[in-house]
Amino acid sequence: MEIIRLEDENSPYFESIYDWNYAWDDLYCRPDLYPWLIDVYVAEPFRGRGVGRALLATVPENARNAGLTELYLYTTHAGLYEKFGWTYVGEVDTFRADSPRERLYRLALQHPGGHPLQGL
């Protein structure tokens, strides 16, 4: 499976994702939690085909390449992100009226030798 970065390709889904992005944001009420993984989106026709799994598998390497030592995300999904090394932290208040409390996860990044990256 090939993953095409939206900034590199014209995509019929770009506008939907762009619009959707502005319905979500970092949790401004939790500035202590940063940086965030947001906007992991798989269009309905491609769900159930391993696309989400392929996307999530790229996160640790891309984050390490960006010099990050950890990432956070919040979601309504239970049991998904644990499969990719994310640790459930607890519930967190969101800014969303339709989902005011969601599950908070943290991903501690490791360098290739298996030791946590020290502050860069």
PDB file of N, CA and C in Angstrom:
ATOM      1  N   MET A   1       0.842  -1.168   0.000  1.00  0.00           N
ATOM      2  CA  MET A   1       0.000   0.000   0.000  1.00  0.00           C
ATOM      3  C   MET A   1       0.894   1.241   0.000  1.00  0.00           C
ATOM      4  N   GLU A   2       0.555   2.189  -0.813  1.00  0.00           N
ATOM      5  CA  GLU A   2       1.294   3.442  -0.881  1.00  0.00           C
ATOM      6  C   GLU A   2       0.515   4.536  -0.156  1.00  0.00           C
ATOM      7  N   ILE A   3       1.217   5.273   0.697  1.00  0.00           N
ATOM      8  CA  ILE A   3       0.597   6.398   1.384  1.00  0.00           C
ATOM      9  C   ILE A   3       1.020   7.663   0.657  1.00  0.00           C
ATOM     10  N   ILE A   4       0.049   8.438   0.210  1.00  0.00           N
ATOM     11  CA  ILE A   4       0.309   9.669  -0.523  1.00  0.00           C
ATOM     12  C   ILE A   4       0.019  10.838   0.397  1.00  0.00           C
ATOM     13  N   ARG A   5       1.012  11.673   0.602  1.00  0.00           N
ATOM     14  CA  ARG A   5       0.826  12.842   1.456  1.00  0.00           C
ATOM     15  C   ARG A   5       0.004  13.875   0.696  1.00  0.00           C
ATOM     16  N   LEU A   6      -0.982  14.436   1.351  1.00  0.00           N
ATOM     17  CA  LEU A   6      -1.882  15.366   0.677  1.00  0.00           C
ATOM     18  C   LEU A   6      -1.180  16.595   0.147  1.00  0.00           C
ATOM     19  N   GLU A   7      -0.130  17.032   0.819  1.00  0.00           N
ATOM     20  CA  GLU A   7       0.553  18.215   0.310  1.00  0.00           C
ATOM     21  C   GLU A   7       1.335  17.913  -0.966  1.00  0.00           C
ATOM     22  N   ASP A   8       1.507  16.609  -1.265  1.00  0.00           N
ATOM     23  CA  ASP A   8       2.251  16.205  -2.456  1.00  0.00           C
ATOM     24  C   ASP A   8       1.355  15.826  -3.633  1.00  0.00           C
ATOM     25  N   GLU A   9       0.073  15.622  -3.389  1.00  0.00           N
ATOM     26  CA  GLU A   9      -0.835  15.118  -4.422  1.00  0.00           C
ATOM     27  C   GLU A   9      -2.132  15.900  -4.419  1.00  0.00           C
ATOM     28  N   ASN A  10      -2.740  15.996  -5.566  1.00  0.00           N
ATOM     29  CA  ASN A  10      -4.115  16.479  -5.624  1.00  0.00           C
ATOM     30  C   ASN A  10      -4.983  15.314  -5.189  1.00  0.00           C
ATOM     31  N   SER A  11      -5.896  15.556  -4.289  1.00  0.00           N
ATOM     32  CA  SER A  11      -6.728  14.487  -3.759  1.00  0.00           C
ATOM     33  C   SER A  11      -8.177  14.944  -3.731  1.00  0.00           C
ATOM     34  N   PRO A  12      -9.092  14.074  -4.121  1.00  0.00           N
ATOM     35  CA  PRO A  12     -10.500  14.451  -4.024  1.00  0.00           C
ATOM     36  C   PRO A  12     -10.948  14.602  -2.572  1.00  0.00           C
ATOM     37  N   TYR A  13     -10.138  14.134  -1.622  1.00  0.00           N
ATOM     38  CA  TYR A  13     -10.493  14.199  -0.210  1.00  0.00           C
ATOM     39  C   TYR A  13      -9.888  15.405   0.491  1.00  0.00           C
ATOM     40  N   PHE A  14      -8.998  16.124  -0.178  1.00  0.00           N
ATOM     41  CA  PHE A  14      -8.298  17.219   0.478  1.00  0.00           C
ATOM     42  C   PHE A  14      -9.258  18.247   1.067  1.00  0.00           C
ATOM     43  N   GLU A  15     -10.240  18.679   0.293  1.00  0.00           N
ATOM     44  CA  GLU A  15     -11.157  19.715   0.778  1.00  0.00           C
ATOM     45  C   GLU A  15     -11.943  19.226   1.991  1.00  0.00           C
ATOM     46  N   SER A  16     -12.396  17.976   1.971  1.00  0.00           N
ATOM     47  CA  SER A  16     -13.122  17.430   3.126  1.00  0.00           C
ATOM     48  C   SER A  16     -12.248  17.412   4.366  1.00  0.00           C
ATOM     49  N   ILE A  17     -11.018  16.983   4.206  1.00  0.00           N
ATOM     50  CA  ILE A  17     -10.108  16.919   5.355  1.00  0.00           C
ATOM     51  C   ILE A  17      -9.766  18.327   5.821  1.00  0.00           C
ATOM     52  N   TYR A  18      -9.551  19.228   4.902  1.00  0.00           N
ATOM     53  CA  TYR A  18      -9.238  20.612   5.253  1.00  0.00           C
ATOM     54  C   TYR A  18     -10.377  21.228   6.067  1.00  0.00           C
ATOM     55  N   ASP A  19     -11.613  21.046   5.581  1.00  0.00           N
ATOM     56  CA  ASP A  19     -12.774  21.570   6.317  1.00  0.00           C
ATOM     57  C   ASP A  19     -12.910  20.900   7.674  1.00  0.00           C
ATOM     58  N   TRP A  20     -12.688  19.586   7.722  1.00  0.00           N
ATOM     59  CA  TRP A  20     -12.809  18.825   8.961  1.00  0.00           C
ATOM     60  C   TRP A  20     -11.774  19.279   9.982  1.00  0.00           C
ATOM     61  N   ASN A  21     -10.592  19.625   9.518  1.00  0.00           N
ATOM     62  CA  ASN A  21      -9.517  20.062  10.404  1.00  0.00           C
ATOM     63  C   ASN A  21      -9.946  21.245  11.264  1.00  0.00           C
ATOM     64  N   TYR A  22     -10.743  22.124  10.720  1.00  0.00           N
ATOM     65  CA  TYR A  22     -11.128  23.301  11.473  1.00  0.00           C
ATOM     66  C   TYR A  22     -12.262  23.036  12.460  1.00  0.00           C
ATOM     67  N   ALA A  23     -12.765  21.810  12.475  1.00  0.00           N
ATOM     68  CA  ALA A  23     -13.708  21.401  13.512  1.00  0.00           C
ATOM     69  C   ALA A  23     -12.947  20.817  14.705  1.00  0.00           C
ATOM     70  N   TRP A  24     -11.639  20.610  14.555  1.00  0.00           N
ATOM     71  CA  TRP A  24     -10.801  20.008  15.589  1.00  0.00           C
ATOM     72  C   TRP A  24      -9.623  20.932  15.852  1.00  0.00           C
ATOM     73  N   ASP A  25      -8.998  20.760  16.975  1.00  0.00           N
ATOM     74  CA  ASP A  25      -7.839  21.577  17.310  1.00  0.00           C
ATOM     75  C   ASP A  25      -7.133  20.925  18.479  1.00  0.00           C
ATOM     76  N   ASP A  26      -5.938  21.396  18.776  1.00  0.00           N
ATOM     77  CA  ASP A  26      -5.298  20.993  20.020  1.00  0.00           C
ATOM     78  C   ASP A  26      -6.221  21.390  21.156  1.00  0.00           C
ATOM     79  N   LEU A  27      -6.077  20.747  22.277  1.00  0.00           N
ATOM     80  CA  LEU A  27      -6.895  21.106  23.429  1.00  0.00           C
ATOM     81  C   LEU A  27      -6.310  22.352  24.063  1.00  0.00           C
ATOM     82  N   TYR A  28      -6.870  23.501  23.697  1.00  0.00           N
ATOM     83  CA  TYR A  28      -6.357  24.765  24.221  1.00  0.00           C
ATOM     84  C   TYR A  28      -6.486  24.826  25.735  1.00  0.00           C
ATOM     85  N   CYS A  29      -7.370  24.001  26.303  1.00  0.00           N
ATOM     86  CA  CYS A  29      -7.529  23.965  27.756  1.00  0.00           C
ATOM     87  C   CYS A  29      -6.438  23.134  28.425  1.00  0.00           C
ATOM     88  N   ARG A  30      -5.601  22.442  27.641  1.00  0.00           N
ATOM     89  CA  ARG A  30      -4.509  21.637  28.184  1.00  0.00           C
ATOM     90  C   ARG A  30      -3.204  21.962  27.460  1.00  0.00           C
ATOM     91  N   PRO A  31      -2.664  23.162  27.649  1.00  0.00           N
ATOM     92  CA  PRO A  31      -1.425  23.533  26.960  1.00  0.00           C
ATOM     93  C   PRO A  31      -0.225  22.710  27.415  1.00  0.00           C
ATOM     94  N   ASP A  32      -0.366  21.980  28.524  1.00  0.00           N
ATOM     95  CA  ASP A  32       0.718  21.127  29.006  1.00  0.00           C
ATOM     96  C   ASP A  32       0.870  19.866  28.165  1.00  0.00           C
ATOM     97  N   LEU A  33      -0.119  19.539  27.363  1.00  0.00           N
ATOM     98  CA  LEU A  33      -0.073  18.358  26.514  1.00  0.00           C
ATOM     99  C   LEU A  33       0.224  18.795  25.085  1.00  0.00           C
ATOM    100  N   TYR A  34       1.404  18.442  24.614  1.00  0.00           N
ATOM    101  CA  TYR A  34       1.832  18.894  23.296  1.00  0.00           C
ATOM    102  C   TYR A  34       3.041  18.076  22.873  1.00  0.00           C
ATOM    103  N   PRO A  35       3.191  17.758  21.642  1.00  0.00           N
ATOM    104  CA  PRO A  35       2.377  18.009  20.448  1.00  0.00           C
ATOM    105  C   PRO A  35       1.292  16.944  20.289  1.00  0.00           C
ATOM    106  N   TRP A  36       0.393  17.223  19.371  1.00  0.00           N
ATOM    107  CA  TRP A  36      -0.775  16.384  19.135  1.00  0.00           C
ATOM    108  C   TRP A  36      -0.717  15.698  17.782  1.00  0.00           C
ATOM    109  N   LEU A  37      -1.220  14.474  17.740  1.00  0.00           N
ATOM    110  CA  LEU A  37      -1.520  13.811  16.478  1.00  0.00           C
ATOM    111  C   LEU A  37      -2.999  14.076  16.219  1.00  0.00           C
ATOM    112  N   ILE A  38      -3.301  14.743  15.117  1.00  0.00           N
ATOM    113  CA  ILE A  38      -4.691  15.037  14.785  1.00  0.00           C
ATOM    114  C   ILE A  38      -4.950  14.688  13.330  1.00  0.00           C
ATOM    115  N   ASP A  39      -6.206  14.574  13.023  1.00  0.00           N
ATOM    116  CA  ASP A  39      -6.675  14.428  11.649  1.00  0.00           C
ATOM    117  C   ASP A  39      -6.208  13.152  10.957  1.00  0.00           C
ATOM    118  N   VAL A  40      -6.189  12.040  11.675  1.00  0.00           N
ATOM    119  CA  VAL A  40      -5.991  10.748  11.022  1.00  0.00           C
ATOM    120  C   VAL A  40      -7.357  10.369  10.480  1.00  0.00           C
ATOM    121  N   TYR A  41      -7.482  10.362   9.180  1.00  0.00           N
ATOM    122  CA  TYR A  41      -8.780  10.189   8.548  1.00  0.00           C
ATOM    123  C   TYR A  41      -8.662   9.213   7.391  1.00  0.00           C
ATOM    124  N   VAL A  42      -9.596   8.276   7.349  1.00  0.00           N
ATOM    125  CA  VAL A  42      -9.689   7.344   6.229  1.00  0.00           C
ATOM    126  C   VAL A  42     -11.102   7.478   5.665  1.00  0.00           C
ATOM    127  N   ALA A  43     -11.193   7.827   4.398  1.00  0.00           N
ATOM    128  CA  ALA A  43     -12.492   7.972   3.745  1.00  0.00           C
ATOM    129  C   ALA A  43     -13.246   6.643   3.758  1.00  0.00           C
ATOM    130  N   GLU A  44     -14.558   6.710   3.873  1.00  0.00           N
ATOM    131  CA  GLU A  44     -15.379   5.515   4.013  1.00  0.00           C
ATOM    132  C   GLU A  44     -15.112   4.417   2.981  1.00  0.00           C
ATOM    133  N   PRO A  45     -14.945   4.745   1.708  1.00  0.00           N
ATOM    134  CA  PRO A  45     -14.727   3.661   0.734  1.00  0.00           C
ATOM    135  C   PRO A  45     -13.451   2.852   0.985  1.00  0.00           C
ATOM    136  N   PHE A  46     -12.514   3.389   1.793  1.00  0.00           N
ATOM    137  CA  PHE A  46     -11.241   2.719   2.018  1.00  0.00           C
ATOM    138  C   PHE A  46     -11.136   2.087   3.396  1.00  0.00           C
ATOM    139  N   ARG A  47     -12.168   2.220   4.211  1.00  0.00           N
ATOM    140  CA  ARG A  47     -12.136   1.655   5.560  1.00  0.00           C
ATOM    141  C   ARG A  47     -12.216   0.137   5.503  1.00  0.00           C
ATOM    142  N   GLY A  48     -11.580  -0.502   6.484  1.00  0.00           N
ATOM    143  CA  GLY A  48     -11.588  -1.956   6.555  1.00  0.00           C
ATOM    144  C   GLY A  48     -10.570  -2.610   5.645  1.00  0.00           C
ATOM    145  N   ARG A  49      -9.678  -1.831   5.073  1.00  0.00           N
ATOM    146  CA  ARG A  49      -8.671  -2.347   4.140  1.00  0.00           C
ATOM    147  C   ARG A  49      -7.242  -2.198   4.673  1.00  0.00           C
ATOM    148  N   GLY A  50      -7.093  -1.810   5.933  1.00  0.00           N
ATOM    149  CA  GLY A  50      -5.755  -1.669   6.505  1.00  0.00           C
ATOM    150  C   GLY A  50      -5.123  -0.311   6.275  1.00  0.00           C
ATOM    151  N   VAL A  51      -5.886   0.637   5.737  1.00  0.00           N
ATOM    152  CA  VAL A  51      -5.332   1.969   5.461  1.00  0.00           C
ATOM    153  C   VAL A  51      -4.985   2.678   6.772  1.00  0.00           C
ATOM    154  N   GLY A  52      -5.905   2.660   7.731  1.00  0.00           N
ATOM    155  CA  GLY A  52      -5.631   3.293   9.027  1.00  0.00           C
ATOM    156  C   GLY A  52      -4.433   2.672   9.709  1.00  0.00           C
ATOM    157  N   ARG A  53      -4.323   1.356   9.642  1.00  0.00           N
ATOM    158  CA  ARG A  53      -3.177   0.643  10.220  1.00  0.00           C
ATOM    159  C   ARG A  53      -1.878   1.113   9.560  1.00  0.00           C
ATOM    160  N   ALA A  54      -1.895   1.239   8.244  1.00  0.00           N
ATOM    161  CA  ALA A  54      -0.698   1.688   7.523  1.00  0.00           C
ATOM    162  C   ALA A  54      -0.329   3.118   7.907  1.00  0.00           C
ATOM    163  N   LEU A  55      -1.326   3.986   8.043  1.00  0.00           N
ATOM    164  CA  LEU A  55      -1.056   5.371   8.439  1.00  0.00           C
ATOM    165  C   LEU A  55      -0.457   5.430   9.843  1.00  0.00           C
ATOM    166  N   LEU A  56      -1.089   4.736  10.780  1.00  0.00           N
ATOM    167  CA  LEU A  56      -0.611   4.778  12.164  1.00  0.00           C
ATOM    168  C   LEU A  56       0.769   4.157  12.318  1.00  0.00           C
ATOM    169  N   ALA A  57       1.097   3.203  11.470  1.00  0.00           N
ATOM    170  CA  ALA A  57       2.421   2.582  11.535  1.00  0.00           C
ATOM    171  C   ALA A  57       3.532   3.568  11.160  1.00  0.00           C
ATOM    172  N   THR A  58       3.191   4.622  10.425  1.00  0.00           N
ATOM    173  CA  THR A  58       4.205   5.616  10.016  1.00  0.00           C
ATOM    174  C   THR A  58       4.453   6.683  11.078  1.00  0.00           C
ATOM    175  N   VAL A  59       3.569   6.778  12.068  1.00  0.00           N
ATOM    176  CA  VAL A  59       3.642   7.875  13.036  1.00  0.00           C
ATOM    177  C   VAL A  59       4.945   7.900  13.837  1.00  0.00           C
ATOM    178  N   PRO A  60       5.368   6.802  14.475  1.00  0.00           N
ATOM    179  CA  PRO A  60       6.581   6.901  15.302  1.00  0.00           C
ATOM    180  C   PRO A  60       7.821   7.371  14.536  1.00  0.00           C
ATOM    181  N   GLU A  61       8.065   6.810  13.381  1.00  0.00           N
ATOM    182  CA  GLU A  61       9.256   7.211  12.619  1.00  0.00           C
ATOM    183  C   GLU A  61       9.178   8.673  12.180  1.00  0.00           C
ATOM    184  N   ASN A  62       8.022   9.089  11.679  1.00  0.00           N
ATOM    185  CA  ASN A  62       7.868  10.483  11.262  1.00  0.00           C
ATOM    186  C   ASN A  62       8.019  11.438  12.438  1.00  0.00           C
ATOM    187  N   ALA A  63       7.480  11.067  13.579  1.00  0.00           N
ATOM    188  CA  ALA A  63       7.596  11.912  14.771  1.00  0.00           C
ATOM    189  C   ALA A  63       9.047  11.989  15.239  1.00  0.00           C
ATOM    190  N   ARG A  64       9.735  10.854  15.265  1.00  0.00           N
ATOM    191  CA  ARG A  64      11.164  10.868  15.649  1.00  0.00           C
ATOM    192  C   ARG A  64      11.967  11.724  14.675  1.00  0.00           C
ATOM    193  N   ASN A  65      11.686  11.587  13.388  1.00  0.00           N
ATOM    194  CA  ASN A  65      12.398  12.391  12.386  1.00  0.00           C
ATOM    195  C   ASN A  65      12.161  13.883  12.583  1.00  0.00           C
ATOM    196  N   ALA A  66      11.028  14.228  13.183  1.00  0.00           N
ATOM    197  CA  ALA A  66      10.723  15.630  13.472  1.00  0.00           C
ATOM    198  C   ALA A  66      11.316  16.066  14.806  1.00  0.00           C
ATOM    199  N   GLY A  67      12.021  15.153  15.481  1.00  0.00           N
ATOM    200  CA  GLY A  67      12.662  15.486  16.750  1.00  0.00           C
ATOM    201  C   GLY A  67      11.747  15.414  17.958  1.00  0.00           C
ATOM    202  N   LEU A  68      10.615  14.775  17.825  1.00  0.00           N
ATOM    203  CA  LEU A  68       9.663  14.699  18.931  1.00  0.00           C
ATOM    204  C   LEU A  68      10.005  13.550  19.873  1.00  0.00           C
ATOM    205  N   THR A  69       9.656  13.707  21.137  1.00  0.00           N
ATOM    206  CA  THR A  69       9.888  12.655  22.125  1.00  0.00           C
ATOM    207  C   THR A  69       8.582  12.024  22.594  1.00  0.00           C
ATOM    208  N   GLU A  70       7.473  12.682  22.315  1.00  0.00           N
ATOM    209  CA  GLU A  70       6.169  12.140  22.673  1.00  0.00           C
ATOM    210  C   GLU A  70       5.098  12.816  21.837  1.00  0.00           C
ATOM    211  N   LEU A  71       3.954  12.158  21.785  1.00  0.00           N
ATOM    212  CA  LEU A  71       2.776  12.689  21.098  1.00  0.00           C
ATOM    213  C   LEU A  71       1.551  12.399  21.950  1.00  0.00           C
ATOM    214  N   TYR A  72       0.516  13.206  21.756  1.00  0.00           N
ATOM    215  CA  TYR A  72      -0.767  12.993  22.409  1.00  0.00           C
ATOM    216  C   TYR A  72      -1.862  12.959  21.358  1.00  0.00           C
ATOM    217  N   LEU A  73      -2.963  12.308  21.703  1.00  0.00           N
ATOM    218  CA  LEU A  73      -4.165  12.368  20.888  1.00  0.00           C
ATOM    219  C   LEU A  73      -5.361  12.157  21.794  1.00  0.00           C
ATOM    220  N   TYR A  74      -6.511  12.604  21.334  1.00  0.00           N
ATOM    221  CA  TYR A  74      -7.749  12.288  22.036  1.00  0.00           C
ATOM    222  C   TYR A  74      -8.745  11.789  21.010  1.00  0.00           C
ATOM    223  N   THR A  75      -9.602  10.879  21.459  1.00  0.00           N
ATOM    224  CA  THR A  75     -10.471  10.170  20.539  1.00  0.00           C
ATOM    225  C   THR A  75     -11.642   9.553  21.286  1.00  0.00           C
ATOM    226  N   THR A  76     -12.643   9.147  20.542  1.00  0.00           N
ATOM    227  CA  THR A  76     -13.735   8.363  21.117  1.00  0.00           C
ATOM    228  C   THR A  76     -13.456   6.868  20.986  1.00  0.00           C
ATOM    229  N   HIS A  77     -12.443   6.510  20.202  1.00  0.00           N
ATOM    230  CA  HIS A  77     -12.133   5.096  19.966  1.00  0.00           C
ATOM    231  C   HIS A  77     -11.456   4.465  21.180  1.00  0.00           C
ATOM    232  N   ALA A  78     -11.938   3.305  21.574  1.00  0.00           N
ATOM    233  CA  ALA A  78     -11.309   2.537  22.652  1.00  0.00           C
ATOM    234  C   ALA A  78     -10.715   1.269  22.051  1.00  0.00           C
ATOM    235  N   GLY A  79      -9.481   0.963  22.419  1.00  0.00           N
ATOM    236  CA  GLY A  79      -8.845  -0.269  21.973  1.00  0.00           C
ATOM    237  C   GLY A  79      -8.078  -0.180  20.671  1.00  0.00           C
ATOM    238  N   LEU A  80      -8.201   0.893  19.941  1.00  0.00           N
ATOM    239  CA  LEU A  80      -7.510   1.017  18.651  1.00  0.00           C
ATOM    240  C   LEU A  80      -6.059   1.444  18.829  1.00  0.00           C
ATOM    241  N   TYR A  81      -5.838   2.541  19.488  1.00  0.00           N
ATOM    242  CA  TYR A  81      -4.499   3.116  19.548  1.00  0.00           C
ATOM    243  C   TYR A  81      -3.539   2.302  20.412  1.00  0.00           C
ATOM    244  N   GLU A  82      -4.073   1.536  21.359  1.00  0.00           N
ATOM    245  CA  GLU A  82      -3.219   0.659  22.166  1.00  0.00           C
ATOM    246  C   GLU A  82      -2.465  -0.327  21.275  1.00  0.00           C
ATOM    247  N   LYS A  83      -3.069  -0.721  20.176  1.00  0.00           N
ATOM    248  CA  LYS A  83      -2.438  -1.669  19.244  1.00  0.00           C
ATOM    249  C   LYS A  83      -1.187  -1.084  18.602  1.00  0.00           C
ATOM    250  N   PHE A  84      -1.027   0.232  18.673  1.00  0.00           N
ATOM    251  CA  PHE A  84       0.099   0.910  18.034  1.00  0.00           C
ATOM    252  C   PHE A  84       1.041   1.532  19.050  1.00  0.00           C
ATOM    253  N   GLY A  85       0.968   1.072  20.302  1.00  0.00           N
ATOM    254  CA  GLY A  85       1.904   1.524  21.321  1.00  0.00           C
ATOM    255  C   GLY A  85       1.475   2.732  22.121  1.00  0.00           C
ATOM    256  N   TRP A  86       0.288   3.253  21.884  1.00  0.00           N
ATOM    257  CA  TRP A  86      -0.204   4.398  22.637  1.00  0.00           C
ATOM    258  C   TRP A  86      -0.690   3.933  23.995  1.00  0.00           C
ATOM    259  N   THR A  87      -0.492   4.756  25.010  1.00  0.00           N
ATOM    260  CA  THR A  87      -0.924   4.459  26.372  1.00  0.00           C
ATOM    261  C   THR A  87      -2.131   5.319  26.722  1.00  0.00           C
ATOM    262  N   TYR A  88      -3.170   4.668  27.210  1.00  0.00           N
ATOM    263  CA  TYR A  88      -4.361   5.391  27.656  1.00  0.00           C
ATOM    264  C   TYR A  88      -4.005   6.141  28.934  1.00  0.00           C
ATOM    265  N   VAL A  89      -4.263   7.449  28.954  1.00  0.00           N
ATOM    266  CA  VAL A  89      -3.945   8.300  30.096  1.00  0.00           C
ATOM    267  C   VAL A  89      -5.179   8.526  30.965  1.00  0.00           C
ATOM    268  N   GLY A  90      -6.333   8.714  30.348  1.00  0.00           N
ATOM    269  CA  GLY A  90      -7.572   8.978  31.068  1.00  0.00           C
ATOM    270  C   GLY A  90      -8.507   9.764  30.175  1.00  0.00           C
ATOM    271  N   GLU A  91      -9.551  10.288  30.758  1.00  0.00           N
ATOM    272  CA  GLU A  91     -10.471  11.110  29.982  1.00  0.00           C
ATOM    273  C   GLU A  91     -10.064  12.573  30.076  1.00  0.00           C
ATOM    274  N   VAL A  92     -10.410  13.305  29.039  1.00  0.00           N
ATOM    275  CA  VAL A  92     -10.058  14.721  28.980  1.00  0.00           C
ATOM    276  C   VAL A  92     -11.254  15.494  28.430  1.00  0.00           C
ATOM    277  N   ASP A  93     -11.443  16.701  28.949  1.00  0.00           N
ATOM    278  CA  ASP A  93     -12.491  17.577  28.431  1.00  0.00           C
ATOM    279  C   ASP A  93     -12.056  18.111  27.077  1.00  0.00           C
ATOM    280  N   THR A  94     -12.977  18.127  26.132  1.00  0.00           N
ATOM    281  CA  THR A  94     -12.700  18.688  24.811  1.00  0.00           C
ATOM    282  C   THR A  94     -13.522  19.960  24.650  1.00  0.00           C
ATOM    283  N   PHE A  95     -13.367  20.599  23.522  1.00  0.00           N
ATOM    284  CA  PHE A  95     -14.132  21.802  23.208  1.00  0.00           C
ATOM    285  C   PHE A  95     -15.343  21.474  22.348  1.00  0.00           C
ATOM    286  N   ARG A  96     -15.574  20.174  22.095  1.00  0.00           N
ATOM    287  CA  ARG A  96     -16.627  19.751  21.178  1.00  0.00           C
ATOM    288  C   ARG A  96     -17.948  19.568  21.912  1.00  0.00           C
ATOM    289  N   ALA A  97     -18.993  20.226  21.460  1.00  0.00           N
ATOM    290  CA  ALA A  97     -20.310  20.105  22.078  1.00  0.00           C
ATOM    291  C   ALA A  97     -20.866  18.692  21.934  1.00  0.00           C
ATOM    292  N   ASP A  98     -20.559  18.028  20.795  1.00  0.00           N
ATOM    293  CA  ASP A  98     -21.098  16.687  20.559  1.00  0.00           C
ATOM    294  C   ASP A  98     -20.297  15.582  21.235  1.00  0.00           C
ATOM    295  N   SER A  99     -19.126  15.909  21.780  1.00  0.00           N
ATOM    296  CA  SER A  99     -18.278  14.915  22.446  1.00  0.00           C
ATOM    297  C   SER A  99     -17.393  15.628  23.475  1.00  0.00           C
ATOM    298  N   PRO A 100     -17.998  16.085  24.570  1.00  0.00           N
ATOM    299  CA  PRO A 100     -17.262  16.925  25.523  1.00  0.00           C
ATOM    300  C   PRO A 100     -16.182  16.214  26.335  1.00  0.00           C
ATOM    301  N   ARG A 101     -16.219  14.871  26.421  1.00  0.00           N
ATOM    302  CA  ARG A 101     -15.174  14.106  27.107  1.00  0.00           C
ATOM    303  C   ARG A 101     -14.732  12.994  26.173  1.00  0.00           C
ATOM    304  N   GLU A 102     -13.411  12.890  26.000  1.00  0.00           N
ATOM    305  CA  GLU A 102     -12.879  11.838  25.138  1.00  0.00           C
ATOM    306  C   GLU A 102     -11.688  11.177  25.811  1.00  0.00           C
ATOM    307  N   ARG A 103     -11.210  10.114  25.193  1.00  0.00           N
ATOM    308  CA  ARG A 103     -10.088   9.334  25.711  1.00  0.00           C
ATOM    309  C   ARG A 103      -8.780  10.012  25.315  1.00  0.00           C
ATOM    310  N   LEU A 104      -7.886  10.185  26.262  1.00  0.00           N
ATOM    311  CA  LEU A 104      -6.584  10.804  26.032  1.00  0.00           C
ATOM    312  C   LEU A 104      -5.522   9.717  25.989  1.00  0.00           C
ATOM    313  N   TYR A 105      -4.658   9.774  24.968  1.00  0.00           N
ATOM    314  CA  TYR A 105      -3.569   8.813  24.800  1.00  0.00           C
ATOM    315  C   TYR A 105      -2.240   9.544  24.660  1.00  0.00           C
ATOM    316  N   ARG A 106      -1.157   8.855  25.044  1.00  0.00           N
ATOM    317  CA  ARG A 106       0.210   9.363  24.917  1.00  0.00           C
ATOM    318  C   ARG A 106       1.057   8.297  24.242  1.00  0.00           C
ATOM    319  N   LEU A 107       1.912   8.722  23.320  1.00  0.00           N
ATOM    320  CA  LEU A 107       2.878   7.841  22.677  1.00  0.00           C
ATOM    321  C   LEU A 107       4.263   8.320  23.050  1.00  0.00           C
ATOM    322  N   ALA A 108       4.989   7.520  23.821  1.00  0.00           N
ATOM    323  CA  ALA A 108       6.383   7.833  24.151  1.00  0.00           C
ATOM    324  C   ALA A 108       7.241   7.276  23.029  1.00  0.00           C
ATOM    325  N   LEU A 109       8.042   8.131  22.433  1.00  0.00           N
ATOM    326  CA  LEU A 109       8.840   7.722  21.272  1.00  0.00           C
ATOM    327  C   LEU A 109      10.197   7.192  21.713  1.00  0.00           C
ATOM    328  N   GLN A 110      10.641   6.199  21.034  1.00  0.00           N
ATOM    329  CA  GLN A 110      11.916   5.555  21.310  1.00  0.00           C
ATOM    330  C   GLN A 110      12.847   5.781  20.119  1.00  0.00           C
ATOM    331  N   HIS A 111      14.145   5.907  20.390  1.00  0.00           N
ATOM    332  CA  HIS A 111      15.075   5.943  19.259  1.00  0.00           C
ATOM    333  C   HIS A 111      15.307   4.500  18.826  1.00  0.00           C
ATOM    334  N   PRO A 112      15.907   4.269  17.665  1.00  0.00           N
ATOM    335  CA  PRO A 112      16.043   2.911  17.138  1.00  0.00           C
ATOM    336  C   PRO A 112      16.702   1.920  18.095  1.00  0.00           C
ATOM    337  N   GLY A 113      17.547   2.370  19.035  1.00  0.00           N
ATOM    338  CA  GLY A 113      18.172   1.464  19.991  1.00  0.00           C
ATOM    339  C   GLY A 113      17.243   1.051  21.103  1.00  0.00           C
ATOM    340  N   GLY A 114      16.040   1.625  21.162  1.00  0.00           N
ATOM    341  CA  GLY A 114      15.073   1.227  22.146  1.00  0.00           C
ATOM    342  C   GLY A 114      15.017   2.084  23.388  1.00  0.00           C
ATOM    343  N   HIS A 115      15.860   3.114  23.491  1.00  0.00           N
ATOM    344  CA  HIS A 115      15.855   3.967  24.652  1.00  0.00           C
ATOM    345  C   HIS A 115      15.065   5.236  24.352  1.00  0.00           C
ATOM    346  N   PRO A 116      14.354   5.756  25.339  1.00  0.00           N
ATOM    347  CA  PRO A 116      13.605   6.991  25.085  1.00  0.00           C
ATOM    348  C   PRO A 116      14.536   8.104  24.636  1.00  0.00           C
ATOM    349  N   LEU A 117      14.067   8.886  23.728  1.00  0.00           N
ATOM    350  CA  LEU A 117      14.840  10.052  23.303  1.00  0.00           C
ATOM    351  C   LEU A 117      14.917  11.031  24.466  1.00  0.00           C
ATOM    352  N   GLN A 118      16.045  11.617  24.657  1.00  0.00           N
ATOM    353  CA  GLN A 118      16.196  12.649  25.687  1.00  0.00           C
ATOM    354  C   GLN A 118      15.842  13.973  25.046  1.00  0.00           C
ATOM    355  N   GLY A 119      15.477  14.950  25.859  1.00  0.00           N
ATOM    356  CA  GLY A 119      15.038  16.245  25.337  1.00  0.00           C
ATOM    357  C   GLY A 119      15.956  16.781  24.260  1.00  0.00           C
ATOM    358  N   LEU A 120      15.389  17.074  23.144  1.00  0.00           N
ATOM    359  CA  LEU A 120      16.172  17.621  22.017  1.00  0.00           C
ATOM    360  C   LEU A 120      16.116  19.116  22.013  1.00  0.00           C
TER     361      LEU A 120
END
